[in-house]
Protein backbone atom coordinates (compact mmCIF):
# COMPACT_ATOMS: atom_id res chain seq x y z
CA MET A 1 18.07 45.05 1.19
CA SER A 2 20.58 42.62 0.42
CA SER A 3 19.95 40.18 -2.53
CA THR A 4 22.11 37.41 -1.38
CA THR A 5 20.08 34.20 -1.91
CA PRO A 6 19.56 32.62 1.47
CA PRO A 7 21.42 29.47 1.99
CA ASP A 8 19.73 26.35 1.10
CA PRO A 9 18.15 24.06 4.31
CA ALA A 10 19.05 21.11 2.53
CA ALA A 11 22.35 21.83 1.63
CA GLY A 12 23.80 19.85 4.84
CA ALA A 13 21.78 16.99 3.78
CA LEU A 14 23.11 16.94 0.33
CA ALA A 15 26.57 17.92 0.73
CA PRO A 16 28.90 16.21 -1.83
CA ALA A 17 30.00 12.32 -0.75
CA ALA A 18 31.49 11.27 -4.02
CA THR A 19 33.71 12.23 -6.71
CA GLU A 20 32.24 10.44 -8.57
CA VAL A 21 29.25 11.84 -10.72
CA ARG A 22 26.51 9.10 -11.50
CA THR A 23 23.71 9.42 -13.86
CA GLU A 24 21.01 8.64 -12.05
CA ARG A 25 17.77 8.60 -13.34
CA LEU A 26 13.96 7.40 -12.32
CA ASN A 27 14.09 3.48 -13.82
CA THR A 28 10.28 3.31 -15.01
CA ARG A 29 11.45 0.20 -16.11
CA ALA A 30 11.81 -1.18 -12.90
CA ALA A 31 8.68 0.08 -11.93
CA GLY A 32 6.59 -1.60 -14.48
CA ILE A 33 8.21 -4.99 -13.28
CA ILE A 34 6.85 -4.13 -9.84
CA GLY A 35 4.12 -3.09 -10.62
CA LEU A 36 2.58 -5.46 -12.84
CA ALA A 37 4.33 -8.09 -10.19
CA VAL A 38 2.26 -6.06 -7.36
CA MET A 39 -0.64 -5.96 -9.34
CA CYS A 40 -0.41 -9.80 -9.13
CA SER A 41 -0.38 -10.25 -5.83
CA ARG A 42 -3.27 -7.95 -5.43
CA ILE A 43 -5.44 -9.74 -7.85
CA LEU A 44 -4.28 -12.86 -5.80
CA GLY A 45 -5.54 -11.17 -2.60
CA LEU A 46 -8.75 -9.77 -4.01
CA ILE A 47 -9.20 -13.86 -5.03
CA ARG A 48 -8.30 -14.60 -1.42
CA GLU A 49 -11.17 -12.05 -0.31
CA GLN A 50 -13.46 -13.84 -3.19
CA VAL A 51 -12.90 -17.13 -1.91
CA CYS A 52 -13.80 -16.10 1.58
CA ALA A 53 -16.51 -13.72 0.75
CA ALA A 54 -17.96 -17.35 -1.25
CA LEU A 55 -17.72 -19.40 1.36
CA PHE A 56 -18.73 -17.10 4.66
CA GLY A 57 -20.52 -14.68 3.52
CA GLY A 58 -20.27 -10.85 4.34
CA GLY A 59 -21.50 -11.15 8.29
CA GLY A 60 -20.43 -11.67 11.40
CA ALA A 61 -17.60 -14.36 10.59
CA MET A 62 -15.81 -12.48 7.76
CA ASP A 63 -15.89 -9.66 10.51
CA ALA A 64 -14.10 -11.70 12.91
CA PHE A 65 -11.65 -12.91 10.49
CA THR A 66 -10.93 -9.48 9.17
CA ALA A 67 -10.56 -7.84 12.43
CA ALA A 68 -8.37 -10.65 13.77
CA PHE A 69 -5.96 -10.25 10.37
CA ARG A 70 -5.92 -6.45 11.03
CA ILE A 71 -3.77 -6.49 14.32
CA PRO A 72 -0.90 -8.25 12.72
CA ASN A 73 -1.59 -6.45 9.66
CA LEU A 74 -1.22 -3.44 11.36
CA LEU A 75 2.10 -4.10 12.74
CA ARG A 76 3.08 -5.61 9.23
CA ASP A 77 2.74 -2.22 7.89
CA LEU A 78 4.01 -0.20 10.85
CA PHE A 79 7.32 -2.47 10.76
CA ALA A 80 7.59 -4.52 7.83
CA GLU A 81 5.70 -2.17 5.07
CA GLY A 82 6.51 1.06 7.00
CA ALA A 83 8.66 1.86 9.60
CA LEU A 84 11.40 -0.89 9.06
CA SER A 85 11.35 -1.26 5.28
CA THR A 86 11.78 2.69 4.56
CA ALA A 87 14.40 2.97 7.34
CA PHE A 88 16.24 -0.11 6.03
CA VAL A 89 16.24 0.86 2.64
CA THR A 90 17.47 4.32 3.40
CA THR A 91 20.59 3.28 5.31
CA PHE A 92 21.69 0.04 3.44
CA SER A 93 21.43 2.08 0.43
CA LYS A 94 23.96 4.96 1.87
CA THR A 95 26.23 2.06 3.43
CA ILE A 96 26.32 0.36 -0.15
CA ALA A 97 27.34 3.82 -1.80
CA ARG A 98 29.34 5.12 1.13
CA ASP A 99 30.92 1.54 2.52
CA GLY A 100 30.65 -1.14 -0.20
CA ASP A 101 28.65 -4.54 0.10
CA ALA A 102 30.63 -5.77 2.34
CA ALA A 103 29.89 -3.10 5.45
CA ALA A 104 26.11 -3.57 4.27
CA TRP A 105 25.78 -7.39 4.23
CA ARG A 106 27.14 -6.81 8.00
CA LEU A 107 24.71 -4.15 8.82
CA ALA A 108 22.29 -6.61 7.35
CA ASP A 109 22.83 -9.42 10.00
CA LYS A 110 22.66 -6.89 12.86
CA VAL A 111 19.38 -5.73 11.77
CA ALA A 112 17.96 -9.39 10.88
CA THR A 113 19.06 -10.67 14.65
CA LEU A 114 17.76 -7.66 16.59
CA THR A 115 14.29 -7.88 14.32
CA VAL A 116 13.86 -11.48 15.12
CA VAL A 117 14.69 -11.15 18.96
CA VAL A 118 11.98 -7.62 19.14
CA LEU A 119 9.36 -8.97 17.18
CA GLY A 120 9.63 -12.85 18.51
CA ALA A 121 8.65 -10.91 21.58
CA ILE A 122 6.36 -8.81 20.43
CA CYS A 123 4.24 -11.90 18.85
CA VAL A 124 4.62 -14.33 22.30
CA LEU A 125 3.08 -11.07 24.13
CA GLY A 126 0.34 -10.30 21.62
CA MET A 127 -0.77 -14.23 21.58
CA ILE A 128 -0.87 -13.63 25.13
CA PHE A 129 -2.57 -10.28 25.44
CA SER A 130 -4.98 -11.23 22.32
CA HIS A 131 -8.38 -10.94 24.10
CA ALA A 132 -7.50 -7.35 25.14
CA LEU A 133 -6.56 -6.61 21.93
CA VAL A 134 -9.48 -7.31 20.27
CA ALA A 135 -11.80 -5.70 23.12
CA LEU A 136 -9.39 -2.72 22.00
CA ILE A 137 -9.38 -2.31 18.31
CA ALA A 138 -13.72 -4.03 18.32
CA PRO A 139 -14.86 -2.62 21.38
CA GLY A 140 -18.23 -3.71 19.67
CA PHE A 141 -18.08 -7.05 18.96
CA ALA A 142 -20.69 -9.51 21.37
CA PRO A 143 -19.43 -11.97 23.54
CA ALA A 144 -19.00 -14.87 20.77
CA LYS A 145 -17.62 -12.78 18.15
CA ALA A 146 -14.73 -11.44 20.20
CA ALA A 147 -13.92 -14.79 21.73
CA LEU A 148 -13.68 -16.09 18.01
CA THR A 149 -11.64 -13.07 16.92
CA ALA A 150 -9.18 -13.70 19.83
CA GLU A 151 -8.31 -16.95 18.54
CA LEU A 152 -7.69 -16.40 15.15
CA THR A 153 -5.73 -13.38 16.41
CA ARG A 154 -3.80 -16.09 18.44
CA LEU A 155 -2.98 -18.04 15.62
CA MET A 156 -1.91 -15.50 13.20
CA PHE A 157 0.48 -12.96 15.24
CA PRO A 158 3.51 -15.13 14.05
CA PHE A 159 2.59 -13.42 10.38
CA ILE A 160 4.59 -10.19 11.81
CA LEU A 161 7.67 -11.90 12.46
CA LEU A 162 7.88 -13.98 8.74
CA VAL A 163 6.68 -10.77 6.74
CA SER A 164 8.96 -8.59 8.51
CA LEU A 165 11.95 -10.43 7.75
CA ALA A 166 10.96 -10.84 4.45
CA ALA A 167 10.71 -7.19 4.10
CA LEU A 168 14.56 -6.98 5.27
CA VAL A 169 15.35 -9.43 2.24
CA MET A 170 13.27 -7.44 -0.05
CA GLY A 171 15.02 -3.80 1.16
CA MET A 172 18.77 -5.94 0.53
CA LEU A 173 17.43 -7.35 -3.12
CA ASN A 174 15.62 -3.52 -3.93
CA ALA A 175 19.16 -1.81 -2.99
CA LYS A 176 20.53 -4.07 -5.68
CA SER A 177 18.85 -3.44 -8.27
CA ILE A 178 16.26 -6.79 -7.90
CA PHE A 179 13.10 -5.84 -7.87
CA GLY A 180 11.05 -8.73 -9.88
CA ARG A 181 11.37 -11.70 -7.32
CA PRO A 182 10.82 -9.38 -4.03
CA ALA A 183 7.62 -8.19 -5.69
CA MET A 184 6.56 -11.48 -6.77
CA ALA A 185 6.91 -12.57 -3.22
CA SER A 186 3.65 -11.47 -1.70
CA SER A 187 2.24 -13.56 -4.43
CA PHE A 188 3.29 -16.44 -2.84
CA PHE A 189 1.56 -15.47 0.15
CA ASN A 190 -1.58 -15.26 -1.04
CA VAL A 191 -1.23 -18.36 -2.94
CA GLY A 192 -0.23 -20.21 0.10
CA SER A 193 -3.11 -18.54 2.21
CA ILE A 194 -5.26 -19.57 -0.42
CA VAL A 195 -4.75 -23.12 -0.83
CA GLY A 196 -3.64 -23.63 2.60
CA GLY A 197 -6.60 -22.22 3.99
CA VAL A 198 -8.93 -23.52 2.14
CA VAL A 199 -7.60 -26.79 2.19
CA LEU A 200 -7.54 -26.69 6.32
CA GLY A 201 -11.05 -25.33 6.75
CA ALA A 202 -12.33 -27.87 4.77
CA LEU A 203 -10.50 -30.45 6.72
CA ILE A 204 -11.99 -28.62 9.97
CA ASP A 205 -15.44 -28.09 8.96
CA PRO A 206 -16.72 -29.33 5.40
CA ALA A 207 -19.41 -27.02 5.74
CA PHE A 208 -17.36 -23.99 6.39
CA GLY A 209 -18.94 -22.82 9.27
CA PRO A 210 -17.02 -20.12 11.80
CA ARG A 211 -14.65 -22.63 13.03
CA ALA A 212 -13.28 -23.04 9.70
CA LEU A 213 -11.91 -19.98 9.58
CA ILE A 214 -9.06 -21.49 11.65
CA GLY A 215 -8.10 -22.84 8.48
CA LEU A 216 -7.81 -19.68 7.21
CA ALA A 217 -5.58 -18.32 10.01
CA ILE A 218 -2.86 -21.84 9.90
CA GLY A 219 -3.21 -20.62 5.87
CA THR A 220 -2.36 -17.47 6.59
CA LEU A 221 1.07 -18.57 8.46
CA ILE A 222 1.55 -20.79 5.34
CA GLY A 223 1.74 -17.77 3.25
CA GLY A 224 4.02 -15.87 5.02
CA ALA A 225 6.76 -18.18 5.14
CA LEU A 226 6.37 -18.67 1.57
CA GLN A 227 6.96 -15.13 1.07
CA LEU A 228 10.02 -14.96 3.07
CA ALA A 229 11.39 -18.25 1.26
CA VAL A 230 10.98 -17.80 -2.17
CA GLN A 231 13.30 -14.02 -1.97
CA LEU A 232 16.00 -16.38 -0.37
CA PRO A 233 17.64 -17.82 -3.27
CA PRO A 234 18.81 -14.33 -5.12
CA LEU A 235 20.01 -12.85 -1.80
CA ALA A 236 22.22 -16.00 -1.68
CA GLU A 237 23.22 -15.26 -5.63
CA LEU A 238 24.32 -12.05 -4.55
CA GLY A 239 26.66 -13.66 -2.03
CA TYR A 240 25.23 -13.02 1.15
CA ARG A 241 24.85 -15.29 4.08
CA TYR A 242 23.39 -14.83 7.39
CA ARG A 243 25.25 -14.88 10.09
CA PRO A 244 23.33 -13.88 13.71
CA ASP A 245 25.25 -10.24 15.17
CA TRP A 246 24.62 -9.15 18.53
CA GLN A 247 26.40 -6.07 18.43
CA TRP A 248 23.63 -3.72 17.88
CA ARG A 249 25.99 -0.62 18.77
CA ASP A 250 26.63 -0.03 15.27
CA PRO A 251 25.99 3.60 13.41
CA GLY A 252 23.98 1.78 10.62
CA VAL A 253 21.78 0.34 13.53
CA SER A 254 21.15 3.40 15.09
CA SER A 255 20.74 5.48 12.00
CA ILE A 256 17.86 3.09 10.98
CA LEU A 257 16.45 3.06 14.69
CA ARG A 258 16.53 6.72 14.86
CA LEU A 259 14.53 6.77 11.42
CA MET A 260 12.19 4.41 12.81
CA GLY A 261 10.40 6.12 15.55
CA PRO A 262 8.84 8.85 13.52
CA SER A 263 7.81 6.94 10.88
CA VAL A 264 6.28 4.11 12.73
CA ILE A 265 3.55 6.88 12.89
CA ALA A 266 4.36 8.53 9.68
CA ALA A 267 4.93 5.67 7.39
CA SER A 268 1.37 4.00 8.34
CA THR A 269 -1.16 6.71 9.20
CA THR A 270 -3.53 5.63 6.47
CA GLN A 271 -3.53 1.99 8.28
CA LEU A 272 -3.58 3.45 11.70
CA ASN A 273 -6.73 5.26 10.87
CA VAL A 274 -8.21 2.23 9.20
CA LEU A 275 -7.68 0.82 12.12
CA ILE A 276 -9.28 3.23 14.51
CA ASN A 277 -12.32 2.72 11.40
CA SER A 278 -12.42 -0.68 12.63
CA MET A 279 -13.08 0.39 16.18
CA PHE A 280 -16.29 2.67 14.56
CA ALA A 281 -17.19 -0.03 12.37
CA SER A 282 -17.30 -2.61 14.86
CA THR A 283 -20.33 -0.80 16.30
CA LEU A 284 -22.26 -0.85 13.43
CA SER A 285 -24.31 -3.41 11.64
CA ASP A 286 -22.45 -6.73 11.22
CA GLY A 287 -20.37 -6.90 8.17
CA ALA A 288 -19.40 -3.07 8.01
CA ILE A 289 -15.47 -4.49 8.62
CA PHE A 290 -15.42 -6.64 6.00
CA TRP A 291 -16.91 -4.57 3.44
CA LEU A 292 -14.63 -1.70 4.53
CA SER A 293 -12.49 -4.54 3.71
CA ILE A 294 -13.21 -5.31 0.45
CA ALA A 295 -13.55 -1.33 -0.61
CA PHE A 296 -9.80 -0.90 0.63
CA ARG A 297 -8.91 -4.12 -1.38
CA LEU A 298 -10.13 -3.10 -4.51
CA MET A 299 -8.47 0.63 -4.47
CA GLN A 300 -5.43 -1.08 -3.43
CA LEU A 301 -5.39 -2.99 -6.75
CA PRO A 302 -4.08 0.87 -8.64
CA LEU A 303 -2.39 1.94 -5.34
CA GLY A 304 -0.54 -1.04 -5.69
CA LEU A 305 0.54 -0.92 -9.65
CA PHE A 306 0.96 2.62 -9.27
CA GLY A 307 1.87 3.64 -5.72
CA VAL A 308 3.88 0.98 -4.30
CA ALA A 309 6.01 0.69 -7.67
CA LEU A 310 6.95 4.04 -7.95
CA GLY A 311 7.89 4.30 -4.27
CA THR A 312 9.63 1.08 -4.20
CA VAL A 313 12.30 2.60 -6.93
CA THR A 314 12.28 6.08 -5.89
CA LEU A 315 13.63 5.36 -2.48
CA PRO A 316 16.81 4.31 -3.36
CA LEU A 317 17.30 6.47 -6.25
CA LEU A 318 16.57 9.80 -4.20
CA ALA A 319 19.14 8.85 -1.39
CA ARG A 320 21.74 7.70 -3.94
CA LEU A 321 21.34 11.53 -4.90
CA VAL A 322 21.21 12.55 -1.52
CA VAL A 323 24.64 10.91 -1.54
CA ALA A 324 25.96 12.63 -4.61
CA GLY A 325 24.80 15.56 -2.91
CA ARG A 326 22.81 16.34 -6.39
CA LEU A 327 19.88 19.12 -5.23
CA ASP A 328 18.52 19.51 -8.35
CA ALA A 329 18.39 16.20 -9.61
CA PHE A 330 16.62 14.85 -6.68
CA ARG A 331 13.76 17.69 -6.89
CA GLY A 332 13.64 17.03 -10.56
CA GLU A 333 13.25 12.99 -10.37
CA LEU A 334 10.72 13.69 -7.11
CA ALA A 335 8.18 16.17 -8.76
CA HIS A 336 8.93 13.27 -12.31
CA ALA A 337 7.43 10.40 -10.47
CA MET A 338 4.65 12.66 -8.87
CA ARG A 339 3.33 13.68 -12.06
CA LEU A 340 3.82 9.89 -13.66
CA MET A 341 1.58 9.15 -9.97
CA PHE A 342 -1.44 11.80 -11.05
CA VAL A 343 -1.46 10.59 -14.52
CA LEU A 344 -2.27 7.24 -13.37
CA THR A 345 -3.98 7.56 -10.78
CA ILE A 346 -6.99 10.10 -11.68
CA PRO A 347 -8.76 8.18 -13.95
CA ALA A 348 -8.17 5.11 -12.08
CA THR A 349 -9.83 7.44 -9.34
CA ALA A 350 -12.72 8.23 -11.72
CA GLY A 351 -13.45 4.78 -12.61
CA LEU A 352 -13.45 2.99 -9.14
CA MET A 353 -16.21 5.98 -8.27
CA LEU A 354 -18.69 5.50 -11.09
CA LEU A 355 -18.34 1.85 -11.60
CA ALA A 356 -18.45 0.73 -8.21
CA GLU A 357 -21.53 -1.37 -8.22
CA PRO A 358 -20.57 -3.39 -11.25
CA ILE A 359 -17.38 -4.14 -10.00
CA ILE A 360 -17.97 -5.21 -6.72
CA SER A 361 -20.63 -6.99 -8.01
CA VAL A 362 -18.67 -9.16 -10.76
CA LEU A 363 -16.27 -9.89 -8.07
CA TYR A 364 -17.78 -10.48 -5.14
CA GLN A 365 -21.68 -11.23 -5.77
CA HIS A 366 -21.34 -14.92 -5.88
CA GLY A 367 -22.01 -18.19 -2.86
CA ARG A 368 -23.14 -16.28 0.28
CA PHE A 369 -22.13 -12.84 -0.74
CA ASP A 370 -25.83 -11.41 -1.99
CA ALA A 371 -26.60 -7.94 -3.99
CA ARG A 372 -27.28 -6.13 -0.64
CA GLU A 373 -23.97 -7.11 0.73
CA ALA A 374 -22.38 -5.67 -2.75
CA ALA A 375 -23.92 -2.29 -2.74
CA GLU A 376 -22.93 -1.56 0.48
CA ALA A 377 -19.37 -2.98 -0.27
CA ALA A 378 -19.68 -0.47 -3.65
CA GLY A 379 -21.17 2.31 -1.07
CA ALA A 380 -17.66 2.15 0.55
CA LEU A 381 -15.46 1.71 -2.49
CA ARG A 382 -16.59 4.87 -3.70
CA PHE A 383 -15.43 7.30 -1.11
CA TYR A 384 -12.48 5.38 -0.26
CA ALA A 385 -11.30 6.57 -4.06
CA VAL A 386 -11.42 9.86 -2.91
CA GLY A 387 -8.01 9.86 -1.19
CA LEU A 388 -6.47 7.33 -3.91
CA ALA A 389 -4.36 9.92 -5.99
CA GLY A 390 -3.15 11.54 -2.44
CA TYR A 391 -2.57 8.12 -0.78
CA ALA A 392 -0.41 7.06 -3.84
CA SER A 393 1.69 9.82 -4.16
CA LEU A 394 2.50 9.94 -0.27
CA LYS A 395 4.51 6.32 -1.01
CA VAL A 396 6.96 8.57 -2.79
CA LEU A 397 6.61 12.00 -0.93
CA VAL A 398 7.02 10.35 2.62
CA ASN A 399 10.09 8.64 1.27
CA ALA A 400 11.97 11.73 -0.16
CA PHE A 401 11.43 13.29 3.58
CA TYR A 402 13.24 10.27 4.54
CA ALA A 403 15.84 10.54 2.09
CA LEU A 404 16.21 14.22 3.61
CA ASP A 405 16.64 12.85 6.79
CA ARG A 406 13.52 14.95 7.43
CA ARG A 407 12.06 12.43 9.09
CA LYS A 408 10.07 13.93 11.99
CA THR A 409 8.46 16.17 8.93
CA PRO A 410 5.74 13.04 8.07
CA MET A 411 5.70 12.50 11.66
CA LEU A 412 4.24 15.74 12.93
CA VAL A 413 2.05 16.03 9.97
CA SER A 414 0.72 12.46 10.76
CA PHE A 415 -0.62 13.06 14.45
CA LEU A 416 -2.82 15.97 12.45
CA ALA A 417 -4.08 13.14 10.51
CA VAL A 418 -4.84 11.07 13.03
CA ALA A 419 -7.06 14.12 14.51
CA LEU A 420 -8.40 14.88 11.64
CA ASN A 421 -9.51 11.11 10.94
CA LEU A 422 -11.15 11.36 14.57
CA VAL A 423 -13.08 14.41 13.53
CA PHE A 424 -14.24 12.68 10.28
CA ASN A 425 -15.38 9.80 11.76
CA TRP A 426 -17.32 11.24 13.81
CA LEU A 427 -18.76 14.19 11.86
CA PHE A 428 -19.52 11.68 8.64
CA THR A 429 -20.88 8.39 10.10
CA PHE A 430 -22.68 9.72 13.14
CA ARG A 431 -23.47 13.53 12.78
CA LEU A 432 -24.28 12.82 9.22
CA GLY A 433 -25.45 9.56 9.55
CA TRP A 434 -23.29 7.56 6.76
CA GLY A 435 -22.52 4.91 8.62
CA HIS A 436 -19.53 3.06 6.90
CA ARG A 437 -18.93 4.77 4.19
CA GLY A 438 -18.75 7.54 6.18
CA LEU A 439 -15.67 5.65 7.79
CA ALA A 440 -14.10 5.19 4.06
CA PHE A 441 -14.85 8.83 3.29
CA SER A 442 -13.20 10.23 6.28
CA THR A 443 -9.61 7.68 5.11
CA GLY A 444 -9.98 9.33 1.89
CA CYS A 445 -9.96 13.01 2.92
CA VAL A 446 -7.09 12.47 5.48
CA ALA A 447 -5.12 10.80 2.75
CA THR A 448 -5.24 13.95 0.77
CA CYS A 449 -5.07 16.59 3.40
CA ASN A 450 -1.91 14.57 4.43
CA PHE A 451 -0.29 15.28 0.92
CA LEU A 452 -1.36 18.63 0.20
CA LEU A 453 0.34 19.55 3.79
CA LEU A 454 3.38 17.61 2.92
CA TYR A 455 4.04 18.69 -0.42
CA ALA A 456 3.70 22.13 0.73
CA LEU A 457 6.08 21.34 3.31
CA MET A 458 8.51 19.61 0.98
CA GLN A 459 7.82 22.88 -2.13
CA LYS A 460 9.26 24.87 0.72
CA GLN A 461 12.00 22.24 1.72
CA LEU A 462 13.56 22.32 -1.77
CA HIS A 463 12.90 26.00 -2.92
CA GLY A 464 10.19 24.54 -5.50
CA LEU A 465 9.19 21.44 -6.60
CA GLU A 466 7.98 21.93 -10.05
CA SER A 467 4.79 23.03 -9.63
CA ARG A 468 3.53 25.05 -12.42
CA ARG A 469 4.31 21.94 -14.53
CA LEU A 470 2.40 19.60 -12.49
CA LEU A 471 -0.69 21.78 -12.14
CA VAL A 472 0.03 21.74 -16.12
CA THR A 473 -0.49 18.40 -16.56
CA LEU A 474 -3.25 18.19 -13.82
CA GLY A 475 -5.15 20.18 -16.17
CA LYS A 476 -4.72 18.11 -18.91
CA VAL A 477 -5.09 14.94 -17.21
CA GLY A 478 -8.55 16.57 -15.75
CA LEU A 479 -9.81 17.25 -19.35
CA ALA A 480 -8.83 13.78 -20.06
CA THR A 481 -10.70 11.89 -17.02
CA GLY A 482 -13.64 13.85 -18.49
CA ALA A 483 -14.01 11.79 -21.32
CA LEU A 484 -13.47 8.46 -18.91
CA ALA A 485 -16.32 9.59 -17.02
CA ALA A 486 -18.63 10.56 -20.00
CA VAL A 487 -18.19 6.85 -21.34
CA CYS A 488 -18.61 5.36 -17.41
CA LEU A 489 -21.32 7.63 -16.34
CA ILE A 490 -23.58 6.39 -19.95
CA ALA A 491 -22.70 2.95 -19.14
CA ALA A 492 -23.54 3.16 -15.47
CA HIS A 493 -27.01 4.21 -16.06
CA GLY A 494 -27.53 2.00 -19.48
CA TRP A 495 -26.40 -1.56 -19.61
CA LEU A 496 -24.87 -1.55 -16.19
CA ALA A 497 -27.84 -0.59 -14.26
CA ASP A 498 -29.36 -3.73 -13.58
CA TRP A 499 -25.66 -5.21 -12.12
CA ALA A 500 -27.26 -6.55 -9.00
CA THR A 501 -29.79 -9.03 -11.12
CA ALA A 502 -28.00 -9.33 -14.21
CA PRO A 503 -26.18 -12.76 -15.28
CA LEU A 504 -22.47 -12.70 -14.37
CA LEU A 505 -21.12 -13.73 -17.63
CA GLY A 506 -23.59 -10.78 -19.37
CA LYS A 507 -22.86 -8.06 -16.70
CA THR A 508 -18.95 -9.09 -16.95
CA LEU A 509 -18.57 -8.93 -20.59
CA LYS A 510 -20.59 -5.31 -20.11
CA LEU A 511 -17.87 -4.08 -17.45
CA LEU A 512 -14.59 -5.04 -19.70
CA VAL A 513 -16.46 -3.32 -22.48
CA THR A 514 -16.57 -0.16 -20.48
CA ILE A 515 -13.96 -0.29 -19.29
CA LEU A 516 -12.01 -0.68 -22.10
CA ALA A 517 -13.30 2.21 -23.75
CA ALA A 518 -13.23 4.47 -21.16
CA GLY A 519 -9.78 3.33 -21.10
CA ILE A 520 -9.50 4.34 -24.85
CA ALA A 521 -11.30 7.67 -24.27
CA PHE A 522 -8.78 8.89 -21.72
CA LEU A 523 -5.83 7.94 -23.85
CA VAL A 524 -7.08 9.54 -26.63
CA CYS A 525 -7.84 12.73 -25.37
CA ALA A 526 -4.07 12.65 -23.22
CA ALA A 527 -2.91 12.02 -26.35
CA ALA A 528 -4.40 14.83 -27.98
CA LEU A 529 -3.67 17.28 -25.10
CA ARG A 530 0.01 15.95 -25.12
CA VAL A 531 0.51 14.47 -21.54
CA THR A 532 4.22 13.68 -21.92
CA GLU A 533 4.38 11.85 -18.87
CA LEU A 534 1.36 9.31 -20.29
CA THR A 535 3.63 9.43 -23.56
CA GLU A 536 7.16 8.11 -21.84
CA ILE A 537 5.03 5.28 -19.72
CA LEU A 538 3.62 3.83 -23.63
CA ALA A 539 7.31 4.24 -25.20
CA GLN A 540 8.14 2.06 -21.98
CA VAL A 541 5.59 -0.17 -22.59
CA HIS A 542 6.01 -0.41 -26.27
CA ALA A 543 9.99 -1.33 -25.66
CA ARG A 544 9.08 -3.70 -23.41
CA LEU A 545 6.81 -5.71 -26.23
CA ARG A 546 9.26 -5.15 -28.62
CA ARG A 547 11.76 -6.53 -26.44
CA GLY A 548 9.36 -9.79 -25.95
CA ARG A 549 8.86 -10.78 -29.60
């Protein structure tokens, strides 16, 4: 038998394309900047939902608004933050590396023009057929509730066009290694939607009845316009000037469209599953859709800080390594990014699961949102958190498949994920009677299964992915997380046990002390176990603090 090593199936994708070898490293400093900016946006989004919960409660009115926003929001994830963003950044980065800035700007003109035409048409169609869309995603709504949802959907549909253009601008800036302003752009969306929505809602109905939700819908459009506008100045500083370009028969445009086809499904599988969950939730009690939305929002806080940040920085890096033909560096940086992801998300998962009730109570139990609704949302958060590590790691792993031009692999896996979600929804929600909690658990399980399968396929693709080193890191992080969990359990059954009735200030202070103590316990144990990825993160933080002095 021949001992010749078989040819590497990734070698074709990684053929050398440049005579000059650059030293490419994962920019953890940029990831930190993005993480903080995205965390700011997530916090503002949380404040937006806090305001809505206090003003409207957690019942049918907020179900209507949440379902209405979910339709354009799903399209945003499919196009703006999913397929279009990923495909554009990959192709735009490769165009810069191969042909220079001028060719990349021309490609941006073509894609922006195509985006306005196509998504503009989708917005018009969505506004016309809003009633049919609501009947599809919320079949369990009563007629009056469905009519309100359709009206809000019609108002918010142009949001998808605004945010898609904002995503294109973000992709151009990220490809030029400008990360801070684009990451902060979504914060302006939240500010605009909060201020504009509350002011307009008060003008429409000072008592904040269901009609005041129209003000929130218009505020969403104000926020989307701000998200786009704040990114234009740094793009202009780079020398870019938009010129409408109708010549869409271009290799770059074709490449983006080829990438988008499969990734429309693959890049936003979890969001699609959340939409399916909404269909199931609409048949449950009033408030279930909003409780799931609250829980998912809280899961997105660590996801935004870690998953989106590392995913955003990793995609241009991996694309450049593909162009340079550096397979070993590609494998090493991808493995490094995933180890960082697990170090950060596993302790976050434990904290969210064990402190779900006091967290929801402190954040949302105000105004018309009572303790019963807080407990219902906390149950969903606990089960959503099961999939946090897998969901966050997918942000990096899926991007790696796109960088290798293996776009069909995540698509095929996503078909399985959707099928699993339907089966799990039926099993956990109806067969076992877990209600909306079963829907959250289904999403978490599907995200984990999706990651495990894609990881196995990527390991086969690259003939190894430093799995032994990953397992060692997981073992150490698991032990350190055990110390964190012990602190959380003691607090949850001790001084945080009265979360439903305790005064806000008292339970807030107790929760903060618990989180601080649990974090210290994790850091001490992780340091003792010599988790090198955590050492790297702390070194970056220390260097950042020293520069700020």
